[in-house]
Amino acid sequence: MSELVLATRNAGKIAEVQRLISVHAPHIKLRSVAEFDLEDVEETGVTFEENALLKATTIARHTGLPALADDSGICVQALDNRPGVYSARYAGEPANDAANNQKLIKNLQEKTNRGAHYVCALVFVNGASDPEPLIVQTRWYGKFIDEAKGANGFGYDPHFFLPELGLTAAELSSEQKNAISHRGQALRELINQLQSRKEIQTQRD
């Protein structure tokens, strides 16, 4: 495998995955779905895994290339794990990070439990009819805070506080975030599984 299509147009997510791919499998050329004349895949699943699998198989079908898709979001304990799969469009369409965060702040008023976790469901398929998709799902635990801190990251990162570090996700460097984030965890595990299945060779080979 020399090329891999990433099923997203999110510039922040593309940059994040590209950095991780280049470290673990530098010979793989990552291509964004934005390079192809395709409409966005409607995320009709009710779980992160369902949405990621739907995106991966649809993109593979239309491009003829192996595809990698993730569905990720934030789950807040006091809100019964909402916004969950609706994280990107929590405040409605078009997607807007600032509006999403403000809605979450409003809905958490007077809530004392600020426990939250990011979820990443990552799916790889060799093609649209791949009978053995690789699926990895990981969590990254923290707390949601009202005050935004940090200029890195995207989405809910400025409000996602990591007590053990005393920083938000948006205050971390790219290297720090990739080492511990939900997406970093998931991608490293996926690469390990791809290597064990002889789908790819890593820099160690």
C-alpha atoms as a PDB file:
ATOM      1  CA  MET A   1       0.000   0.000   0.000  1.00  0.00           C
ATOM      2  CA  SER A   2       1.542   3.295  -1.108  1.00  0.00           C
ATOM      3  CA  GLU A   3      -1.493   5.589  -1.105  1.00  0.00           C
ATOM      4  CA  LEU A   4      -4.259   6.035   1.414  1.00  0.00           C
ATOM      5  CA  VAL A   5      -7.300   8.319   1.241  1.00  0.00           C
ATOM      6  CA  LEU A   6      -8.300  10.070   4.439  1.00  0.00           C
ATOM      7  CA  ALA A   7     -12.060  10.575   4.522  1.00  0.00           C
ATOM      8  CA  THR A   8     -12.181  14.124   5.841  1.00  0.00           C
ATOM      9  CA  ARG A   9     -12.002  17.729   4.681  1.00  0.00           C
ATOM     10  CA  ASN A  10     -11.145  18.986   8.169  1.00  0.00           C
ATOM     11  CA  ALA A  11      -7.772  20.708   7.756  1.00  0.00           C
ATOM     12  CA  GLY A  12      -6.851  20.264  11.415  1.00  0.00           C
ATOM     13  CA  LYS A  13      -7.589  16.566  11.332  1.00  0.00           C
ATOM     14  CA  ILE A  14      -5.704  16.089   8.047  1.00  0.00           C
ATOM     15  CA  ALA A  15      -2.598  17.774   9.457  1.00  0.00           C
ATOM     16  CA  GLU A  16      -2.790  15.748  12.660  1.00  0.00           C
ATOM     17  CA  VAL A  17      -3.068  12.388  10.864  1.00  0.00           C
ATOM     18  CA  GLN A  18      -0.384  13.333   8.326  1.00  0.00           C
ATOM     19  CA  ARG A  19       2.098  13.983  11.122  1.00  0.00           C
ATOM     20  CA  LEU A  20       1.350  10.607  12.686  1.00  0.00           C
ATOM     21  CA  ILE A  21       1.477   8.738   9.375  1.00  0.00           C
ATOM     22  CA  SER A  22       4.840  10.319   8.489  1.00  0.00           C
ATOM     23  CA  VAL A  23       6.342   9.145  11.786  1.00  0.00           C
ATOM     24  CA  HIS A  24       5.089   5.560  11.704  1.00  0.00           C
ATOM     25  CA  ALA A  25       4.792   4.794   7.977  1.00  0.00           C
ATOM     26  CA  PRO A  26       6.605   7.508   6.000  1.00  0.00           C
ATOM     27  CA  HIS A  27       6.362   5.656   2.686  1.00  0.00           C
ATOM     28  CA  ILE A  28       2.566   6.016   2.605  1.00  0.00           C
ATOM     29  CA  LYS A  29       1.223   9.015   0.720  1.00  0.00           C
ATOM     30  CA  LEU A  30      -1.840  10.356   2.508  1.00  0.00           C
ATOM     31  CA  ARG A  31      -4.441  11.869   0.222  1.00  0.00           C
ATOM     32  CA  SER A  32      -7.360  13.964   1.379  1.00  0.00           C
ATOM     33  CA  VAL A  33     -10.864  13.286   0.125  1.00  0.00           C
ATOM     34  CA  ALA A  34     -10.823  16.965  -0.871  1.00  0.00           C
ATOM     35  CA  GLU A  35      -8.614  15.969  -3.830  1.00  0.00           C
ATOM     36  CA  PHE A  36     -11.522  14.047  -5.351  1.00  0.00           C
ATOM     37  CA  ASP A  37     -14.787  15.291  -6.812  1.00  0.00           C
ATOM     38  CA  LEU A  38     -16.969  13.753  -4.132  1.00  0.00           C
ATOM     39  CA  GLU A  39     -19.834  14.912  -1.996  1.00  0.00           C
ATOM     40  CA  ASP A  40     -19.599  14.660   1.763  1.00  0.00           C
ATOM     41  CA  VAL A  41     -20.740  11.336   3.172  1.00  0.00           C
ATOM     42  CA  GLU A  42     -23.883  11.740   5.247  1.00  0.00           C
ATOM     43  CA  GLU A  43     -23.189  10.482   8.757  1.00  0.00           C
ATOM     44  CA  THR A  44     -26.356   8.546   9.519  1.00  0.00           C
ATOM     45  CA  GLY A  45     -24.915   6.189  12.130  1.00  0.00           C
ATOM     46  CA  VAL A  46     -25.778   6.398  15.810  1.00  0.00           C
ATOM     47  CA  THR A  47     -22.309   5.316  16.965  1.00  0.00           C
ATOM     48  CA  PHE A  48     -18.813   6.551  16.156  1.00  0.00           C
ATOM     49  CA  GLU A  49     -17.934   3.163  14.691  1.00  0.00           C
ATOM     50  CA  GLU A  50     -20.934   3.121  12.340  1.00  0.00           C
ATOM     51  CA  ASN A  51     -20.110   6.564  10.967  1.00  0.00           C
ATOM     52  CA  ALA A  52     -16.421   5.793  10.489  1.00  0.00           C
ATOM     53  CA  LEU A  53     -17.172   2.542   8.643  1.00  0.00           C
ATOM     54  CA  LEU A  54     -19.746   4.271   6.448  1.00  0.00           C
ATOM     55  CA  LYS A  55     -17.275   6.983   5.472  1.00  0.00           C
ATOM     56  CA  ALA A  56     -14.402   4.584   4.823  1.00  0.00           C
ATOM     57  CA  THR A  57     -16.366   2.206   2.587  1.00  0.00           C
ATOM     58  CA  THR A  58     -18.021   5.038   0.656  1.00  0.00           C
ATOM     59  CA  ILE A  59     -14.732   6.808  -0.035  1.00  0.00           C
ATOM     60  CA  ALA A  60     -13.031   3.543  -1.038  1.00  0.00           C
ATOM     61  CA  ARG A  61     -15.876   2.799  -3.447  1.00  0.00           C
ATOM     62  CA  HIS A  62     -15.578   6.160  -5.187  1.00  0.00           C
ATOM     63  CA  THR A  63     -11.778   6.434  -5.299  1.00  0.00           C
ATOM     64  CA  GLY A  64     -10.750   2.818  -5.802  1.00  0.00           C
ATOM     65  CA  LEU A  65      -8.083   3.279  -3.112  1.00  0.00           C
ATOM     66  CA  PRO A  66      -7.700   2.040   0.457  1.00  0.00           C
ATOM     67  CA  ALA A  67      -9.444   4.430   2.807  1.00  0.00           C
ATOM     68  CA  LEU A  68      -9.027   5.571   6.372  1.00  0.00           C
ATOM     69  CA  ALA A  69     -11.876   7.265   8.193  1.00  0.00           C
ATOM     70  CA  ASP A  70     -12.482   8.340  11.713  1.00  0.00           C
ATOM     71  CA  ASP A  71     -15.454   9.591  13.606  1.00  0.00           C
ATOM     72  CA  SER A  72     -14.613  11.407  16.766  1.00  0.00           C
ATOM     73  CA  GLY A  73     -16.206  13.678  19.290  1.00  0.00           C
ATOM     74  CA  ILE A  74     -16.533  14.649  22.895  1.00  0.00           C
ATOM     75  CA  CYS A  75     -18.747  12.925  25.446  1.00  0.00           C
ATOM     76  CA  VAL A  76     -19.667  14.813  28.617  1.00  0.00           C
ATOM     77  CA  GLN A  77     -20.760  12.802  31.643  1.00  0.00           C
ATOM     78  CA  ALA A  78     -23.226  15.358  33.029  1.00  0.00           C
ATOM     79  CA  LEU A  79     -25.031  15.443  29.669  1.00  0.00           C
ATOM     80  CA  ASP A  80     -25.423  11.670  29.322  1.00  0.00           C
ATOM     81  CA  ASN A  81     -22.358  11.581  27.046  1.00  0.00           C
ATOM     82  CA  ARG A  82     -23.679  14.219  24.659  1.00  0.00           C
ATOM     83  CA  PRO A  83     -22.816  15.696  22.225  1.00  0.00           C
ATOM     84  CA  GLY A  84     -21.201  12.400  21.170  1.00  0.00           C
ATOM     85  CA  VAL A  85     -21.568  11.659  17.471  1.00  0.00           C
ATOM     86  CA  TYR A  86     -23.136  15.096  17.003  1.00  0.00           C
ATOM     87  CA  SER A  87     -20.062  16.943  18.314  1.00  0.00           C
ATOM     88  CA  ALA A  88     -19.116  18.578  14.996  1.00  0.00           C
ATOM     89  CA  ARG A  89     -22.630  19.930  14.416  1.00  0.00           C
ATOM     90  CA  TYR A  90     -23.765  20.347  18.010  1.00  0.00           C
ATOM     91  CA  ALA A  91     -24.851  23.957  17.451  1.00  0.00           C
ATOM     92  CA  GLY A  92     -26.323  23.219  14.009  1.00  0.00           C
ATOM     93  CA  GLU A  93     -25.150  23.619  10.445  1.00  0.00           C
ATOM     94  CA  PRO A  94     -22.819  24.903   9.140  1.00  0.00           C
ATOM     95  CA  ALA A  95     -20.324  23.429  11.602  1.00  0.00           C
ATOM     96  CA  ASN A  96     -18.706  26.064  13.786  1.00  0.00           C
ATOM     97  CA  ASP A  97     -16.260  25.326  16.602  1.00  0.00           C
ATOM     98  CA  ALA A  98     -16.971  28.527  18.532  1.00  0.00           C
ATOM     99  CA  ALA A  99     -20.742  28.020  18.412  1.00  0.00           C
ATOM    100  CA  ASN A 100     -20.392  24.374  19.467  1.00  0.00           C
ATOM    101  CA  ASN A 101     -18.291  25.314  22.466  1.00  0.00           C
ATOM    102  CA  GLN A 102     -20.644  28.091  23.512  1.00  0.00           C
ATOM    103  CA  LYS A 103     -23.616  25.740  23.385  1.00  0.00           C
ATOM    104  CA  LEU A 104     -21.780  23.210  25.522  1.00  0.00           C
ATOM    105  CA  ILE A 105     -20.820  25.896  28.042  1.00  0.00           C
ATOM    106  CA  LYS A 106     -24.454  26.972  28.247  1.00  0.00           C
ATOM    107  CA  ASN A 107     -25.731  23.420  28.713  1.00  0.00           C
ATOM    108  CA  LEU A 108     -23.214  22.814  31.493  1.00  0.00           C
ATOM    109  CA  GLN A 109     -24.228  25.823  33.563  1.00  0.00           C
ATOM    110  CA  GLU A 110     -24.707  24.820  37.205  1.00  0.00           C
ATOM    111  CA  LYS A 111     -23.315  21.341  36.489  1.00  0.00           C
ATOM    112  CA  THR A 112     -20.617  20.348  38.956  1.00  0.00           C
ATOM    113  CA  ASN A 113     -19.503  17.201  37.149  1.00  0.00           C
ATOM    114  CA  ARG A 114     -17.276  18.342  34.295  1.00  0.00           C
ATOM    115  CA  GLY A 115     -15.842  14.935  33.450  1.00  0.00           C
ATOM    116  CA  ALA A 116     -15.495  14.402  29.702  1.00  0.00           C
ATOM    117  CA  HIS A 117     -13.681  12.221  27.235  1.00  0.00           C
ATOM    118  CA  TYR A 118     -12.838  12.377  23.577  1.00  0.00           C
ATOM    119  CA  VAL A 119     -13.637   9.289  21.498  1.00  0.00           C
ATOM    120  CA  CYS A 120     -12.020   8.256  18.230  1.00  0.00           C
ATOM    121  CA  ALA A 121     -13.304   5.384  16.110  1.00  0.00           C
ATOM    122  CA  LEU A 122     -10.826   4.720  13.324  1.00  0.00           C
ATOM    123  CA  VAL A 123     -11.593   2.398  10.398  1.00  0.00           C
ATOM    124  CA  PHE A 124      -9.346   1.164   7.593  1.00  0.00           C
ATOM    125  CA  VAL A 125     -10.655  -0.677   4.527  1.00  0.00           C
ATOM    126  CA  ASN A 126      -8.714  -2.053   1.567  1.00  0.00           C
ATOM    127  CA  GLY A 127     -11.752  -1.455  -0.606  1.00  0.00           C
ATOM    128  CA  ALA A 128     -15.490  -0.909  -0.459  1.00  0.00           C
ATOM    129  CA  SER A 129     -16.195  -4.641  -0.120  1.00  0.00           C
ATOM    130  CA  ASP A 130     -13.383  -5.406   2.330  1.00  0.00           C
ATOM    131  CA  PRO A 131     -14.704  -8.267   4.511  1.00  0.00           C
ATOM    132  CA  GLU A 132     -12.178  -7.513   7.249  1.00  0.00           C
ATOM    133  CA  PRO A 133     -12.195  -3.801   8.034  1.00  0.00           C
ATOM    134  CA  LEU A 134      -9.830  -2.817  10.793  1.00  0.00           C
ATOM    135  CA  ILE A 135     -11.641  -0.963  13.557  1.00  0.00           C
ATOM    136  CA  VAL A 136     -10.028   0.717  16.548  1.00  0.00           C
ATOM    137  CA  GLN A 137     -11.783   2.819  19.173  1.00  0.00           C
ATOM    138  CA  THR A 138     -10.012   4.804  21.891  1.00  0.00           C
ATOM    139  CA  ARG A 139     -10.728   7.365  24.617  1.00  0.00           C
ATOM    140  CA  TRP A 140      -8.904  10.410  25.983  1.00  0.00           C
ATOM    141  CA  TYR A 141     -10.062  11.542  29.425  1.00  0.00           C
ATOM    142  CA  GLY A 142     -10.226  15.077  30.758  1.00  0.00           C
ATOM    143  CA  LYS A 143     -12.600  17.793  31.927  1.00  0.00           C
ATOM    144  CA  PHE A 144     -14.583  20.443  30.101  1.00  0.00           C
ATOM    145  CA  ILE A 145     -13.894  23.984  31.324  1.00  0.00           C
ATOM    146  CA  ASP A 146     -15.681  27.221  30.443  1.00  0.00           C
ATOM    147  CA  GLU A 147     -12.588  29.347  29.822  1.00  0.00           C
ATOM    148  CA  ALA A 148     -10.830  28.723  26.527  1.00  0.00           C
ATOM    149  CA  LYS A 149      -7.066  28.291  26.835  1.00  0.00           C
ATOM    150  CA  GLY A 150      -4.508  27.743  24.104  1.00  0.00           C
ATOM    151  CA  ALA A 151      -4.336  28.418  20.381  1.00  0.00           C
ATOM    152  CA  ASN A 152      -3.436  24.984  19.056  1.00  0.00           C
ATOM    153  CA  GLY A 153      -5.796  22.195  18.102  1.00  0.00           C
ATOM    154  CA  PHE A 154      -9.368  22.550  16.922  1.00  0.00           C
ATOM    155  CA  GLY A 155     -12.919  21.674  17.935  1.00  0.00           C
ATOM    156  CA  TYR A 156     -13.308  21.493  21.703  1.00  0.00           C
ATOM    157  CA  ASP A 157      -9.553  21.441  22.402  1.00  0.00           C
ATOM    158  CA  PRO A 158      -9.350  24.898  24.075  1.00  0.00           C
ATOM    159  CA  HIS A 159     -11.914  23.738  26.646  1.00  0.00           C
ATOM    160  CA  PHE A 160     -10.665  20.156  27.114  1.00  0.00           C
ATOM    161  CA  PHE A 161      -8.582  20.319  30.291  1.00  0.00           C
ATOM    162  CA  LEU A 162      -6.086  17.624  31.268  1.00  0.00           C
ATOM    163  CA  PRO A 163      -5.728  17.661  35.078  1.00  0.00           C
ATOM    164  CA  GLU A 164      -2.553  15.569  35.110  1.00  0.00           C
ATOM    165  CA  LEU A 165      -0.798  18.149  32.909  1.00  0.00           C
ATOM    166  CA  GLY A 166      -2.580  21.302  34.061  1.00  0.00           C
ATOM    167  CA  LEU A 167      -3.152  22.231  30.409  1.00  0.00           C
ATOM    168  CA  THR A 168      -5.888  22.102  27.824  1.00  0.00           C
ATOM    169  CA  ALA A 169      -5.491  20.090  24.631  1.00  0.00           C
ATOM    170  CA  ALA A 170      -5.065  23.397  22.774  1.00  0.00           C
ATOM    171  CA  GLU A 171      -2.059  24.291  24.944  1.00  0.00           C
ATOM    172  CA  LEU A 172      -0.156  21.166  23.934  1.00  0.00           C
ATOM    173  CA  SER A 173       2.371  21.079  21.121  1.00  0.00           C
ATOM    174  CA  SER A 174       1.537  18.877  18.167  1.00  0.00           C
ATOM    175  CA  GLU A 175       4.046  16.317  19.397  1.00  0.00           C
ATOM    176  CA  GLN A 176       2.575  16.262  22.909  1.00  0.00           C
ATOM    177  CA  LYS A 177      -0.959  15.937  21.619  1.00  0.00           C
ATOM    178  CA  ASN A 178      -0.132  13.164  19.164  1.00  0.00           C
ATOM    179  CA  ALA A 179       1.543  11.193  21.940  1.00  0.00           C
ATOM    180  CA  ILE A 180      -1.547  11.017  24.174  1.00  0.00           C
ATOM    181  CA  SER A 181      -4.668  12.008  22.232  1.00  0.00           C
ATOM    182  CA  HIS A 182      -7.544   9.725  21.304  1.00  0.00           C
ATOM    183  CA  ARG A 183      -6.621   9.964  17.616  1.00  0.00           C
ATOM    184  CA  GLY A 184      -2.932   9.400  18.279  1.00  0.00           C
ATOM    185  CA  GLN A 185      -3.703   6.309  20.333  1.00  0.00           C
ATOM    186  CA  ALA A 186      -6.052   4.961  17.683  1.00  0.00           C
ATOM    187  CA  LEU A 187      -3.705   5.543  14.767  1.00  0.00           C
ATOM    188  CA  ARG A 188      -0.746   3.895  16.475  1.00  0.00           C
ATOM    189  CA  GLU A 189      -2.866   0.864  17.295  1.00  0.00           C
ATOM    190  CA  LEU A 190      -4.203   0.730  13.741  1.00  0.00           C
ATOM    191  CA  ILE A 191      -0.704   0.898  12.273  1.00  0.00           C
ATOM    192  CA  ASN A 192       0.394  -1.935  14.565  1.00  0.00           C
ATOM    193  CA  GLN A 193      -2.521  -4.057  13.368  1.00  0.00           C
ATOM    194  CA  LEU A 194      -1.846  -3.222   9.708  1.00  0.00           C
ATOM    195  CA  GLN A 195       1.758  -4.264  10.174  1.00  0.00           C
ATOM    196  CA  SER A 196       0.745  -7.533  11.839  1.00  0.00           C
ATOM    197  CA  ARG A 197      -1.521  -8.269   8.862  1.00  0.00           C
ATOM    198  CA  LYS A 198       1.360  -7.465   6.472  1.00  0.00           C
ATOM    199  CA  GLU A 199      -0.661  -4.618   4.943  1.00  0.00           C
ATOM    200  CA  ILE A 200       2.173  -2.143   5.491  1.00  0.00           C
ATOM    201  CA  GLN A 201       5.785  -1.963   6.474  1.00  0.00           C
ATOM    202  CA  THR A 202       6.830   0.608   9.023  1.00  0.00           C
ATOM    203  CA  GLN A 203      10.018   2.547   9.406  1.00  0.00           C
ATOM    204  CA  ARG A 204      11.396  -0.223  11.632  1.00  0.00           C
ATOM    205  CA  ASP A 205      11.303  -2.814   8.801  1.00  0.00           C
END
